[in-house]
C-alpha atoms as a PDB file:
ATOM      1  CA  UNK A   1      47.620  12.008  -1.904  1.00  0.00           C
ATOM      2  CA  UNK A   2      49.091  11.696   1.668  1.00  0.00           C
ATOM      3  CA  UNK A   3      52.692  12.791   1.222  1.00  0.00           C
ATOM      4  CA  UNK A   4      54.794  12.476   4.615  1.00  0.00           C
ATOM      5  CA  UNK A   5      52.211  10.178   6.513  1.00  0.00           C
ATOM      6  CA  UNK A   6      52.989   6.285   7.146  1.00  0.00           C
ATOM      7  CA  UNK A   7      50.516   3.466   6.480  1.00  0.00           C
ATOM      8  CA  UNK A   8      49.884   3.494  10.125  1.00  0.00           C
ATOM      9  CA  UNK A   9      49.093   7.065  10.327  1.00  0.00           C
ATOM     10  CA  UNK A  10      46.775   6.966   7.233  1.00  0.00           C
ATOM     11  CA  UNK A  11      44.946   3.951   8.721  1.00  0.00           C
ATOM     12  CA  UNK A  12      45.204   4.003  12.441  1.00  0.00           C
ATOM     13  CA  UNK A  13      43.090   1.158  13.237  1.00  0.00           C
ATOM     14  CA  UNK A  14      44.618  -1.666  11.068  1.00  0.00           C
ATOM     15  CA  UNK A  15      44.155  -5.420  12.284  1.00  0.00           C
ATOM     16  CA  UNK A  16      46.910  -7.943  12.225  1.00  0.00           C
ATOM     17  CA  UNK A  17      46.342 -11.387  10.558  1.00  0.00           C
ATOM     18  CA  UNK A  18      46.973 -14.204  12.837  1.00  0.00           C
ATOM     19  CA  UNK A  19      50.380 -15.036  10.943  1.00  0.00           C
ATOM     20  CA  UNK A  20      51.557 -11.407  11.240  1.00  0.00           C
ATOM     21  CA  UNK A  21      50.856 -11.419  15.172  1.00  0.00           C
ATOM     22  CA  UNK A  22      52.613 -14.923  15.216  1.00  0.00           C
ATOM     23  CA  UNK A  23      55.457 -13.272  13.602  1.00  0.00           C
ATOM     24  CA  UNK A  24      55.438 -10.109  15.768  1.00  0.00           C
ATOM     25  CA  UNK A  25      55.355 -11.851  18.990  1.00  0.00           C
ATOM     26  CA  UNK A  26      57.813 -14.613  18.078  1.00  0.00           C
ATOM     27  CA  UNK A  27      60.261 -11.473  17.058  1.00  0.00           C
ATOM     28  CA  UNK A  28      59.095  -9.356  20.332  1.00  0.00           C
ATOM     29  CA  UNK A  29      59.639 -12.570  22.848  1.00  0.00           C
ATOM     30  CA  UNK A  30      63.121 -13.566  20.812  1.00  0.00           C
ATOM     31  CA  UNK A  31      64.326  -9.910  21.643  1.00  0.00           C
ATOM     32  CA  UNK A  32      62.659  -9.653  25.142  1.00  0.00           C
ATOM     33  CA  UNK A  33      65.113 -13.158  26.076  1.00  0.00           C
ATOM     34  CA  UNK A  34      68.142 -12.622  23.830  1.00  0.00           C
ATOM     35  CA  UNK A  35      68.046  -8.801  23.574  1.00  0.00           C
ATOM     36  CA  UNK A  36      68.743  -9.287  19.725  1.00  0.00           C
ATOM     37  CA  UNK A  37      66.226  -9.630  17.015  1.00  0.00           C
ATOM     38  CA  UNK A  38      65.487 -13.221  15.382  1.00  0.00           C
ATOM     39  CA  UNK A  39      66.784 -14.184  11.875  1.00  0.00           C
ATOM     40  CA  UNK A  40      64.189 -14.746   9.105  1.00  0.00           C
ATOM     41  CA  UNK A  41      65.148 -18.466   8.681  1.00  0.00           C
ATOM     42  CA  UNK A  42      64.633 -19.174  12.593  1.00  0.00           C
ATOM     43  CA  UNK A  43      61.302 -17.472  12.703  1.00  0.00           C
ATOM     44  CA  UNK A  44      60.577 -19.483   9.216  1.00  0.00           C
ATOM     45  CA  UNK A  45      61.744 -22.718  10.808  1.00  0.00           C
ATOM     46  CA  UNK A  46      59.547 -22.388  13.798  1.00  0.00           C
ATOM     47  CA  UNK A  47      56.276 -21.418  12.043  1.00  0.00           C
ATOM     48  CA  UNK A  48      57.313 -23.958   9.062  1.00  0.00           C
ATOM     49  CA  UNK A  49      56.779 -21.271   6.302  1.00  0.00           C
ATOM     50  CA  UNK A  50      59.344 -20.178   3.971  1.00  0.00           C
ATOM     51  CA  UNK A  51      62.105 -17.497   4.402  1.00  0.00           C
ATOM     52  CA  UNK A  52      60.137 -15.259   1.718  1.00  0.00           C
ATOM     53  CA  UNK A  53      56.770 -15.607   3.631  1.00  0.00           C
ATOM     54  CA  UNK A  54      58.548 -14.189   6.525  1.00  0.00           C
ATOM     55  CA  UNK A  55      60.227 -11.035   4.378  1.00  0.00           C
ATOM     56  CA  UNK A  56      56.434 -10.135   3.384  1.00  0.00           C
ATOM     57  CA  UNK A  57      54.957 -10.522   6.867  1.00  0.00           C
ATOM     58  CA  UNK A  58      57.939  -8.002   7.965  1.00  0.00           C
ATOM     59  CA  UNK A  59      57.309  -5.842   5.208  1.00  0.00           C
ATOM     60  CA  UNK A  60      53.380  -5.491   5.979  1.00  0.00           C
ATOM     61  CA  UNK A  61      54.016  -5.156   9.703  1.00  0.00           C
ATOM     62  CA  UNK A  62      56.665  -2.208   8.721  1.00  0.00           C
ATOM     63  CA  UNK A  63      53.779  -0.974   6.693  1.00  0.00           C
ATOM     64  CA  UNK A  64      51.200  -0.988   9.282  1.00  0.00           C
ATOM     65  CA  UNK A  65      53.664   0.462  12.031  1.00  0.00           C
ATOM     66  CA  UNK A  66      54.612  -2.478  14.023  1.00  0.00           C
ATOM     67  CA  UNK A  67      58.290  -2.871  13.158  1.00  0.00           C
ATOM     68  CA  UNK A  68      60.441   0.032  12.144  1.00  0.00           C
ATOM     69  CA  UNK A  69      63.548  -0.296  10.235  1.00  0.00           C
ATOM     70  CA  UNK A  70      66.719   1.728  11.775  1.00  0.00           C
ATOM     71  CA  UNK A  71      68.841   3.785   9.429  1.00  0.00           C
ATOM     72  CA  UNK A  72      72.010   2.151   8.758  1.00  0.00           C
ATOM     73  CA  UNK A  73      72.723  -0.272  11.397  1.00  0.00           C
ATOM     74  CA  UNK A  74      73.390  -3.820  11.811  1.00  0.00           C
ATOM     75  CA  UNK A  75      70.228  -4.605  13.591  1.00  0.00           C
ATOM     76  CA  UNK A  76      67.724  -2.709  11.314  1.00  0.00           C
ATOM     77  CA  UNK A  77      64.522  -3.558  12.496  1.00  0.00           C
ATOM     78  CA  UNK A  78      62.961  -2.703  16.025  1.00  0.00           C
ATOM     79  CA  UNK A  79      59.808  -3.136  17.726  1.00  0.00           C
ATOM     80  CA  UNK A  80      57.738   0.007  17.459  1.00  0.00           C
ATOM     81  CA  UNK A  81      55.849   1.280  20.557  1.00  0.00           C
ATOM     82  CA  UNK A  82      52.543  -0.455  18.739  1.00  0.00           C
ATOM     83  CA  UNK A  83      54.279  -3.962  18.015  1.00  0.00           C
ATOM     84  CA  UNK A  84      55.140  -3.991  21.709  1.00  0.00           C
ATOM     85  CA  UNK A  85      51.617  -4.274  22.760  1.00  0.00           C
ATOM     86  CA  UNK A  86      50.609  -7.016  20.460  1.00  0.00           C
ATOM     87  CA  UNK A  87      49.333 -10.223  22.112  1.00  0.00           C
ATOM     88  CA  UNK A  88      48.217 -13.610  20.573  1.00  0.00           C
END
């Protein structure tokens, strides 16, 4: 059992899918340019996928340690240090 460890801590060399990289890079670039995160709908429209697909990608990116959810704030997701380093 892995009590107290995140998925990223259990699997340090996690690979990202191409779709996950695209979502992460779009998220990072939007934050860099506008100082605010994009909406899931904006990402979905840009990539030509459904809102639900982006929700699933974001969940996987959180589990892999590339995005981190802030506790109880208006803007809850933030790029982790690991997420800031990803390039296409």
